Amino acid sequence: MMKKIILPVILCSVLAISCSKDDDNNSIKTQNNEIETLILGKWKIKKQQIIKSSNGEVVDFDLSSQNKCFNKSYNEFLKNGKYIAKQYIDENGSCKEQVLETSYTINKLNATLEIKDLVYPNQEIQKLNQEELVLKSLGHDFDQDGKEDYRIYTYDKIK
């Protein structure tokens, strides 16, 4: 039961995305040989959005109000295709670490990322540079219209 709860939470902290098809998306396609290098390292989520399938409305989630434990959480992409998501949950005033270790693959041609063992493993890389990662994926039906909604997750690289 705990794994079923943790994986969606990790998924939410894993993904970062921009909902528009702009010049940043084009830069991913033209620099696709650099994707495997740029994605390496630790990433901290800074913004989460949902695009409602019912009306296209973008809902922003304020992550600044999260507790000190959540703010320690990060995702890491290693050179060998290993992916680590570390999430910290506040349990009675102390931070309990929850770790998901799995693998990832990158499709450079389509600028997509697949993270194994996630409920929604397929991510579209919307933006990627030395400072920021933006991923877009399908997620649970937030607006309860019977259709999955897109999630956009924006991350900052941890220096």
N, C-alpha and C. Protein backbone atom coordinates (compact mmCIF):
# COMPACT_ATOMS: atom_id res chain seq x y z
N MET A 1 0.83 -1.20 0.00
CA MET A 1 0.00 0.00 0.00
C MET A 1 0.86 1.25 0.00
N MET A 2 1.94 1.24 0.80
CA MET A 2 2.81 2.40 0.89
C MET A 2 3.47 2.70 -0.46
N LYS A 3 3.87 1.64 -1.20
CA LYS A 3 4.49 1.85 -2.50
C LYS A 3 3.53 2.51 -3.47
N LYS A 4 2.24 2.14 -3.40
CA LYS A 4 1.25 2.73 -4.29
C LYS A 4 1.05 4.21 -3.99
N ILE A 5 1.27 4.60 -2.77
CA ILE A 5 1.15 6.01 -2.39
C ILE A 5 2.43 6.76 -2.74
N ILE A 6 3.56 6.15 -2.49
CA ILE A 6 4.85 6.81 -2.69
C ILE A 6 5.14 7.05 -4.17
N LEU A 7 4.89 6.07 -5.04
CA LEU A 7 5.24 6.22 -6.44
C LEU A 7 4.55 7.41 -7.10
N PRO A 8 3.23 7.63 -6.90
CA PRO A 8 2.63 8.82 -7.50
C PRO A 8 3.23 10.11 -6.94
N VAL A 9 3.58 10.10 -5.66
CA VAL A 9 4.18 11.30 -5.06
C VAL A 9 5.55 11.53 -5.67
N ILE A 10 6.32 10.46 -5.84
CA ILE A 10 7.63 10.60 -6.46
C ILE A 10 7.47 11.07 -7.89
N LEU A 11 6.50 10.52 -8.59
CA LEU A 11 6.26 10.94 -9.96
C LEU A 11 6.02 12.44 -10.02
N CYS A 12 5.22 12.94 -9.10
CA CYS A 12 4.92 14.36 -9.08
C CYS A 12 6.18 15.19 -8.85
N SER A 13 7.10 14.65 -8.05
CA SER A 13 8.31 15.41 -7.79
C SER A 13 9.36 15.18 -8.86
N VAL A 14 9.11 14.23 -9.74
CA VAL A 14 10.10 13.85 -10.74
C VAL A 14 10.01 14.68 -12.01
N LEU A 15 8.87 15.11 -12.38
CA LEU A 15 8.67 15.65 -13.69
C LEU A 15 8.63 17.17 -13.72
N ALA A 16 9.11 17.76 -14.85
CA ALA A 16 9.08 19.19 -14.99
C ALA A 16 8.76 19.52 -16.43
N ILE A 17 7.85 20.49 -16.68
CA ILE A 17 7.44 20.65 -18.06
C ILE A 17 6.97 22.07 -18.38
N SER A 18 7.05 22.42 -19.63
CA SER A 18 6.50 23.66 -20.13
C SER A 18 5.41 23.32 -21.13
N CYS A 19 4.28 24.00 -21.04
CA CYS A 19 3.13 23.59 -21.86
C CYS A 19 3.15 24.18 -23.26
N SER A 20 4.05 25.09 -23.57
CA SER A 20 4.02 25.69 -24.89
C SER A 20 5.10 25.10 -25.79
N LYS A 21 4.81 25.09 -27.08
CA LYS A 21 5.79 24.64 -28.07
C LYS A 21 6.51 25.89 -28.59
N ASP A 22 7.59 26.27 -27.91
CA ASP A 22 8.27 27.50 -28.27
C ASP A 22 9.69 27.21 -28.72
N ASP A 23 10.52 28.25 -28.76
CA ASP A 23 11.89 28.10 -29.22
C ASP A 23 12.69 27.17 -28.34
N ASP A 24 12.36 27.10 -27.05
CA ASP A 24 13.08 26.20 -26.16
C ASP A 24 12.92 24.76 -26.61
N ASN A 25 11.74 24.41 -27.09
CA ASN A 25 11.52 23.06 -27.58
C ASN A 25 12.38 22.80 -28.81
N ASN A 26 12.49 23.79 -29.70
CA ASN A 26 13.33 23.64 -30.87
C ASN A 26 14.78 23.44 -30.47
N SER A 27 15.24 24.11 -29.42
CA SER A 27 16.63 23.96 -29.00
C SER A 27 16.89 22.53 -28.53
N ILE A 28 15.90 21.85 -27.97
CA ILE A 28 16.06 20.45 -27.58
C ILE A 28 16.30 19.61 -28.83
N LYS A 29 15.52 19.82 -29.85
CA LYS A 29 15.64 19.02 -31.07
C LYS A 29 17.00 19.24 -31.75
N THR A 30 17.48 20.49 -31.78
CA THR A 30 18.73 20.77 -32.47
C THR A 30 19.95 20.39 -31.65
N GLN A 31 19.80 20.30 -30.34
CA GLN A 31 20.93 19.96 -29.48
C GLN A 31 20.76 18.57 -28.88
N ASN A 32 20.08 17.68 -29.61
CA ASN A 32 19.75 16.39 -29.03
C ASN A 32 20.97 15.55 -28.68
N ASN A 33 22.11 15.82 -29.30
CA ASN A 33 23.32 15.08 -28.92
C ASN A 33 23.81 15.47 -27.53
N GLU A 34 23.40 16.61 -27.03
CA GLU A 34 23.81 17.06 -25.71
C GLU A 34 22.86 16.63 -24.60
N ILE A 35 21.70 16.11 -24.95
CA ILE A 35 20.70 15.75 -23.95
C ILE A 35 21.27 14.80 -22.90
N GLU A 36 21.94 13.77 -23.35
CA GLU A 36 22.47 12.76 -22.42
C GLU A 36 23.47 13.34 -21.44
N THR A 37 24.18 14.39 -21.85
CA THR A 37 25.15 15.03 -20.96
C THR A 37 24.47 16.06 -20.06
N LEU A 38 23.59 16.87 -20.64
CA LEU A 38 22.95 17.95 -19.87
C LEU A 38 22.05 17.42 -18.76
N ILE A 39 21.45 16.26 -18.95
CA ILE A 39 20.49 15.76 -17.95
C ILE A 39 21.20 15.20 -16.71
N LEU A 40 22.47 14.89 -16.83
CA LEU A 40 23.19 14.30 -15.71
C LEU A 40 23.24 15.23 -14.51
N GLY A 41 23.07 14.67 -13.32
CA GLY A 41 23.17 15.44 -12.09
C GLY A 41 21.88 15.40 -11.29
N LYS A 42 21.87 16.25 -10.26
CA LYS A 42 20.72 16.31 -9.34
C LYS A 42 19.84 17.49 -9.71
N TRP A 43 18.52 17.25 -9.64
CA TRP A 43 17.52 18.25 -10.01
C TRP A 43 16.49 18.38 -8.89
N LYS A 44 16.18 19.63 -8.55
CA LYS A 44 15.20 19.92 -7.51
C LYS A 44 13.98 20.57 -8.16
N ILE A 45 12.79 20.06 -7.83
CA ILE A 45 11.58 20.61 -8.44
C ILE A 45 11.33 22.02 -7.91
N LYS A 46 10.99 22.93 -8.83
CA LYS A 46 10.66 24.29 -8.41
C LYS A 46 9.24 24.69 -8.79
N LYS A 47 8.65 23.97 -9.76
CA LYS A 47 7.31 24.36 -10.21
C LYS A 47 6.59 23.12 -10.73
N GLN A 48 5.31 23.03 -10.39
CA GLN A 48 4.47 21.96 -10.90
C GLN A 48 3.18 22.57 -11.42
N GLN A 49 2.77 22.12 -12.61
CA GLN A 49 1.54 22.60 -13.21
C GLN A 49 0.74 21.41 -13.74
N ILE A 50 -0.56 21.62 -13.84
CA ILE A 50 -1.44 20.64 -14.47
C ILE A 50 -2.21 21.37 -15.56
N ILE A 51 -2.31 20.71 -16.72
CA ILE A 51 -3.12 21.24 -17.81
C ILE A 51 -4.39 20.41 -17.84
N LYS A 52 -5.50 21.04 -17.49
CA LYS A 52 -6.78 20.33 -17.44
C LYS A 52 -7.22 19.92 -18.83
N SER A 53 -7.58 18.65 -18.99
CA SER A 53 -8.04 18.16 -20.29
C SER A 53 -9.42 18.71 -20.63
N SER A 54 -10.19 19.08 -19.62
CA SER A 54 -11.56 19.54 -19.86
C SER A 54 -11.61 20.90 -20.54
N ASN A 55 -10.67 21.81 -20.20
CA ASN A 55 -10.73 23.15 -20.76
C ASN A 55 -9.37 23.77 -21.09
N GLY A 56 -8.29 23.04 -20.90
CA GLY A 56 -6.96 23.56 -21.21
C GLY A 56 -6.39 24.50 -20.16
N GLU A 57 -7.14 24.74 -19.10
CA GLU A 57 -6.68 25.63 -18.04
C GLU A 57 -5.41 25.07 -17.40
N VAL A 58 -4.46 25.97 -17.13
CA VAL A 58 -3.22 25.58 -16.47
C VAL A 58 -3.33 25.94 -14.99
N VAL A 59 -3.15 24.94 -14.14
CA VAL A 59 -3.22 25.13 -12.69
C VAL A 59 -1.80 25.06 -12.13
N ASP A 60 -1.38 26.13 -11.46
CA ASP A 60 -0.06 26.17 -10.83
C ASP A 60 -0.16 25.71 -9.39
N PHE A 61 0.80 24.91 -8.97
CA PHE A 61 0.88 24.50 -7.58
C PHE A 61 2.00 25.25 -6.90
N ASP A 62 1.71 25.86 -5.75
CA ASP A 62 2.70 26.61 -5.00
C ASP A 62 3.54 25.64 -4.18
N LEU A 63 4.76 25.40 -4.62
CA LEU A 63 5.64 24.48 -3.92
C LEU A 63 6.44 25.18 -2.83
N SER A 64 6.39 26.52 -2.79
CA SER A 64 7.15 27.26 -1.78
C SER A 64 6.62 27.01 -0.38
N SER A 65 5.37 26.60 -0.28
CA SER A 65 4.77 26.39 1.04
C SER A 65 5.04 24.98 1.58
N GLN A 66 5.76 24.16 0.82
CA GLN A 66 6.05 22.81 1.28
C GLN A 66 6.96 22.84 2.50
N ASN A 67 6.93 21.79 3.28
CA ASN A 67 7.72 21.74 4.50
C ASN A 67 9.20 21.55 4.22
N LYS A 68 10.01 21.70 5.26
CA LYS A 68 11.47 21.60 5.11
C LYS A 68 11.89 20.24 4.59
N CYS A 69 11.15 19.21 4.91
CA CYS A 69 11.50 17.86 4.43
C CYS A 69 11.33 17.77 2.92
N PHE A 70 10.19 18.21 2.41
CA PHE A 70 9.94 18.18 0.97
C PHE A 70 11.02 18.95 0.22
N ASN A 71 11.46 20.06 0.80
CA ASN A 71 12.45 20.91 0.15
C ASN A 71 13.83 20.26 0.05
N LYS A 72 14.05 19.16 0.75
CA LYS A 72 15.30 18.42 0.64
C LYS A 72 15.26 17.40 -0.49
N SER A 73 14.09 17.15 -1.04
CA SER A 73 13.90 16.13 -2.07
C SER A 73 14.57 16.51 -3.39
N TYR A 74 15.02 15.50 -4.13
CA TYR A 74 15.63 15.73 -5.44
C TYR A 74 15.57 14.46 -6.28
N ASN A 75 15.85 14.64 -7.57
CA ASN A 75 15.94 13.54 -8.53
C ASN A 75 17.32 13.60 -9.16
N GLU A 76 17.89 12.42 -9.41
CA GLU A 76 19.25 12.39 -9.96
C GLU A 76 19.32 11.44 -11.15
N PHE A 77 19.96 11.92 -12.20
CA PHE A 77 20.22 11.11 -13.39
C PHE A 77 21.71 10.84 -13.44
N LEU A 78 22.08 9.56 -13.47
CA LEU A 78 23.48 9.16 -13.52
C LEU A 78 23.86 8.72 -14.92
N LYS A 79 25.13 8.75 -15.21
CA LYS A 79 25.64 8.45 -16.55
C LYS A 79 25.30 7.04 -17.02
N ASN A 80 25.24 6.11 -16.13
CA ASN A 80 25.00 4.71 -16.50
C ASN A 80 23.52 4.37 -16.73
N GLY A 81 22.67 5.40 -16.84
CA GLY A 81 21.24 5.16 -17.05
C GLY A 81 20.47 4.91 -15.77
N LYS A 82 21.11 5.14 -14.64
CA LYS A 82 20.46 4.94 -13.34
C LYS A 82 19.76 6.24 -12.93
N TYR A 83 18.57 6.07 -12.39
CA TYR A 83 17.76 7.20 -11.92
C TYR A 83 17.47 7.00 -10.43
N ILE A 84 17.66 8.06 -9.66
CA ILE A 84 17.39 8.01 -8.22
C ILE A 84 16.49 9.18 -7.87
N ALA A 85 15.36 8.88 -7.23
CA ALA A 85 14.47 9.92 -6.70
C ALA A 85 14.50 9.80 -5.18
N LYS A 86 14.95 10.86 -4.53
CA LYS A 86 14.96 10.88 -3.07
C LYS A 86 13.92 11.89 -2.63
N GLN A 87 13.00 11.39 -1.85
CA GLN A 87 11.94 12.24 -1.33
C GLN A 87 11.97 12.17 0.19
N TYR A 88 11.77 13.29 0.80
CA TYR A 88 11.78 13.36 2.26
C TYR A 88 10.40 13.75 2.74
N ILE A 89 9.84 12.93 3.62
CA ILE A 89 8.49 13.10 4.14
C ILE A 89 8.58 13.46 5.62
N ASP A 90 7.79 14.44 6.02
CA ASP A 90 7.76 14.84 7.43
C ASP A 90 6.92 13.83 8.21
N GLU A 91 7.57 13.15 9.15
CA GLU A 91 6.88 12.22 10.03
C GLU A 91 7.17 12.63 11.48
N ASN A 92 6.18 13.25 12.09
CA ASN A 92 6.29 13.70 13.48
C ASN A 92 7.50 14.59 13.71
N GLY A 93 7.74 15.51 12.78
CA GLY A 93 8.81 16.49 12.96
C GLY A 93 10.18 16.04 12.47
N SER A 94 10.31 14.82 12.02
CA SER A 94 11.60 14.40 11.48
C SER A 94 11.41 14.00 10.01
N CYS A 95 12.46 14.15 9.24
CA CYS A 95 12.40 13.88 7.81
C CYS A 95 12.74 12.42 7.54
N LYS A 96 11.79 11.70 6.97
CA LYS A 96 12.01 10.30 6.62
C LYS A 96 12.30 10.23 5.12
N GLU A 97 13.42 9.59 4.79
CA GLU A 97 13.84 9.47 3.40
C GLU A 97 13.14 8.29 2.72
N GLN A 98 12.64 8.54 1.51
CA GLN A 98 12.08 7.48 0.66
C GLN A 98 12.83 7.54 -0.66
N VAL A 99 13.33 6.40 -1.10
CA VAL A 99 14.19 6.36 -2.27
C VAL A 99 13.61 5.42 -3.33
N LEU A 100 13.58 5.89 -4.55
CA LEU A 100 13.25 5.06 -5.69
C LEU A 100 14.49 5.01 -6.57
N GLU A 101 15.02 3.82 -6.79
CA GLU A 101 16.14 3.63 -7.71
C GLU A 101 15.66 2.79 -8.87
N THR A 102 15.85 3.29 -10.07
CA THR A 102 15.41 2.59 -11.27
C THR A 102 16.32 3.02 -12.42
N SER A 103 15.87 2.82 -13.63
CA SER A 103 16.67 3.21 -14.79
C SER A 103 15.87 4.16 -15.68
N TYR A 104 16.61 4.84 -16.54
CA TYR A 104 15.97 5.74 -17.50
C TYR A 104 16.62 5.55 -18.85
N THR A 105 15.86 5.87 -19.89
CA THR A 105 16.40 5.89 -21.24
C THR A 105 15.94 7.19 -21.92
N ILE A 106 16.78 7.66 -22.82
CA ILE A 106 16.49 8.89 -23.55
C ILE A 106 16.36 8.56 -25.03
N ASN A 107 15.31 9.06 -25.64
CA ASN A 107 15.16 8.97 -27.09
C ASN A 107 15.54 10.36 -27.62
N LYS A 108 16.76 10.47 -28.14
CA LYS A 108 17.26 11.77 -28.59
C LYS A 108 16.50 12.30 -29.79
N LEU A 109 16.05 11.41 -30.65
CA LEU A 109 15.33 11.83 -31.85
C LEU A 109 14.05 12.58 -31.50
N ASN A 110 13.30 12.07 -30.51
CA ASN A 110 12.03 12.68 -30.11
C ASN A 110 12.14 13.56 -28.88
N ALA A 111 13.34 13.65 -28.29
CA ALA A 111 13.55 14.40 -27.05
C ALA A 111 12.57 13.93 -25.97
N THR A 112 12.56 12.60 -25.77
CA THR A 112 11.70 12.03 -24.73
C THR A 112 12.55 11.24 -23.75
N LEU A 113 11.98 11.06 -22.59
CA LEU A 113 12.65 10.39 -21.49
C LEU A 113 11.68 9.34 -20.94
N GLU A 114 12.17 8.14 -20.70
CA GLU A 114 11.36 7.11 -20.06
C GLU A 114 12.02 6.73 -18.75
N ILE A 115 11.30 6.89 -17.65
CA ILE A 115 11.80 6.52 -16.33
C ILE A 115 11.02 5.28 -15.90
N LYS A 116 11.71 4.18 -15.82
CA LYS A 116 11.07 2.90 -15.48
C LYS A 116 10.43 2.96 -14.09
N ASP A 117 9.43 2.13 -13.88
CA ASP A 117 8.77 1.93 -12.59
C ASP A 117 7.91 3.09 -12.12
N LEU A 118 7.70 4.11 -12.93
CA LEU A 118 6.78 5.18 -12.57
C LEU A 118 5.39 4.84 -13.11
N VAL A 119 4.37 5.37 -12.48
CA VAL A 119 3.01 5.16 -12.96
C VAL A 119 2.87 5.70 -14.39
N TYR A 120 3.46 6.87 -14.64
CA TYR A 120 3.49 7.47 -15.97
C TYR A 120 4.96 7.68 -16.35
N PRO A 121 5.59 6.67 -16.96
CA PRO A 121 7.04 6.70 -17.17
C PRO A 121 7.51 7.58 -18.33
N ASN A 122 6.66 7.91 -19.28
CA ASN A 122 7.08 8.63 -20.48
C ASN A 122 6.97 10.13 -20.30
N GLN A 123 8.10 10.82 -20.53
CA GLN A 123 8.19 12.26 -20.34
C GLN A 123 8.67 12.91 -21.63
N GLU A 124 8.10 14.03 -21.96
CA GLU A 124 8.59 14.82 -23.09
C GLU A 124 9.51 15.89 -22.52
N ILE A 125 10.73 15.96 -23.03
CA ILE A 125 11.67 16.98 -22.57
C ILE A 125 11.33 18.27 -23.30
N GLN A 126 10.79 19.23 -22.56
CA GLN A 126 10.38 20.50 -23.15
C GLN A 126 11.51 21.51 -23.16
N LYS A 127 12.36 21.44 -22.15
CA LYS A 127 13.48 22.37 -22.04
C LYS A 127 14.57 21.67 -21.23
N LEU A 128 15.80 21.85 -21.66
CA LEU A 128 16.93 21.28 -20.92
C LEU A 128 18.16 22.10 -21.23
N ASN A 129 18.73 22.67 -20.18
CA ASN A 129 20.01 23.35 -20.30
C ASN A 129 20.80 23.10 -19.02
N GLN A 130 21.86 23.82 -18.80
CA GLN A 130 22.71 23.57 -17.63
C GLN A 130 22.05 23.96 -16.31
N GLU A 131 20.95 24.69 -16.37
CA GLU A 131 20.31 25.19 -15.15
C GLU A 131 18.89 24.69 -14.94
N GLU A 132 18.19 24.33 -16.03
CA GLU A 132 16.76 24.04 -15.91
C GLU A 132 16.36 22.83 -16.76
N LEU A 133 15.44 22.04 -16.20
CA LEU A 133 14.85 20.89 -16.88
C LEU A 133 13.34 21.02 -16.79
N VAL A 134 12.67 20.90 -17.92
CA VAL A 134 11.21 20.97 -17.95
C VAL A 134 10.70 19.72 -18.65
N LEU A 135 9.85 18.96 -17.94
CA LEU A 135 9.30 17.71 -18.46
C LEU A 135 7.78 17.79 -18.50
N LYS A 136 7.20 17.10 -19.47
CA LYS A 136 5.74 17.05 -19.62
C LYS A 136 5.33 15.60 -19.74
N SER A 137 4.29 15.22 -19.00
CA SER A 137 3.79 13.84 -19.08
C SER A 137 2.31 13.81 -18.77
N LEU A 138 1.68 12.70 -19.13
CA LEU A 138 0.31 12.48 -18.71
C LEU A 138 0.30 12.14 -17.23
N GLY A 139 -0.80 12.43 -16.57
CA GLY A 139 -0.95 12.11 -15.16
C GLY A 139 -2.40 11.78 -14.85
N HIS A 140 -2.67 11.62 -13.59
CA HIS A 140 -4.02 11.28 -13.13
C HIS A 140 -5.02 12.36 -13.54
N ASP A 141 -6.28 12.00 -13.53
CA ASP A 141 -7.38 12.86 -13.94
C ASP A 141 -7.67 13.89 -12.85
N PHE A 142 -6.98 15.02 -12.89
CA PHE A 142 -7.12 16.07 -11.88
C PHE A 142 -8.50 16.72 -11.90
N ASP A 143 -9.00 17.01 -13.10
CA ASP A 143 -10.28 17.73 -13.20
C ASP A 143 -11.49 16.80 -13.26
N GLN A 144 -11.28 15.52 -13.10
CA GLN A 144 -12.33 14.50 -13.00
C GLN A 144 -13.30 14.52 -14.18
N ASP A 145 -12.73 14.66 -15.38
CA ASP A 145 -13.57 14.62 -16.57
C ASP A 145 -13.46 13.28 -17.30
N GLY A 146 -12.78 12.32 -16.68
CA GLY A 146 -12.63 11.00 -17.27
C GLY A 146 -11.42 10.86 -18.18
N LYS A 147 -10.61 11.92 -18.33
CA LYS A 147 -9.42 11.91 -19.17
C LYS A 147 -8.19 12.28 -18.34
N GLU A 148 -7.07 11.65 -18.67
CA GLU A 148 -5.84 11.98 -17.97
C GLU A 148 -5.43 13.41 -18.34
N ASP A 149 -4.83 14.12 -17.39
CA ASP A 149 -4.37 15.48 -17.60
C ASP A 149 -2.85 15.52 -17.69
N TYR A 150 -2.33 16.50 -18.41
CA TYR A 150 -0.89 16.65 -18.52
C TYR A 150 -0.32 17.31 -17.28
N ARG A 151 0.88 16.90 -16.93
CA ARG A 151 1.64 17.49 -15.83
C ARG A 151 2.88 18.14 -16.43
N ILE A 152 3.22 19.29 -15.91
CA ILE A 152 4.44 19.98 -16.31
C ILE A 152 5.26 20.19 -15.03
N TYR A 153 6.49 19.71 -15.07
CA TYR A 153 7.38 19.82 -13.92
C TYR A 153 8.62 20.58 -14.34
N THR A 154 8.95 21.60 -13.58
CA THR A 154 10.14 22.40 -13.84
C THR A 154 11.12 22.19 -12.70
N TYR A 155 12.36 21.89 -13.05
CA TYR A 155 13.41 21.62 -12.07
C TYR A 155 14.57 22.57 -12.25
N ASP A 156 15.24 22.87 -11.16
CA ASP A 156 16.52 23.57 -11.17
C ASP A 156 17.61 22.57 -10.90
N LYS A 157 18.74 22.73 -11.57
CA LYS A 157 19.88 21.85 -11.32
C LYS A 157 20.51 22.25 -9.99
N ILE A 158 20.83 21.26 -9.19
CA ILE A 158 21.50 21.50 -7.91
C ILE A 158 22.99 21.59 -8.20
N LYS A 159 23.57 22.67 -7.82
CA LYS A 159 25.01 22.89 -8.07
C LYS A 159 25.85 22.17 -7.04
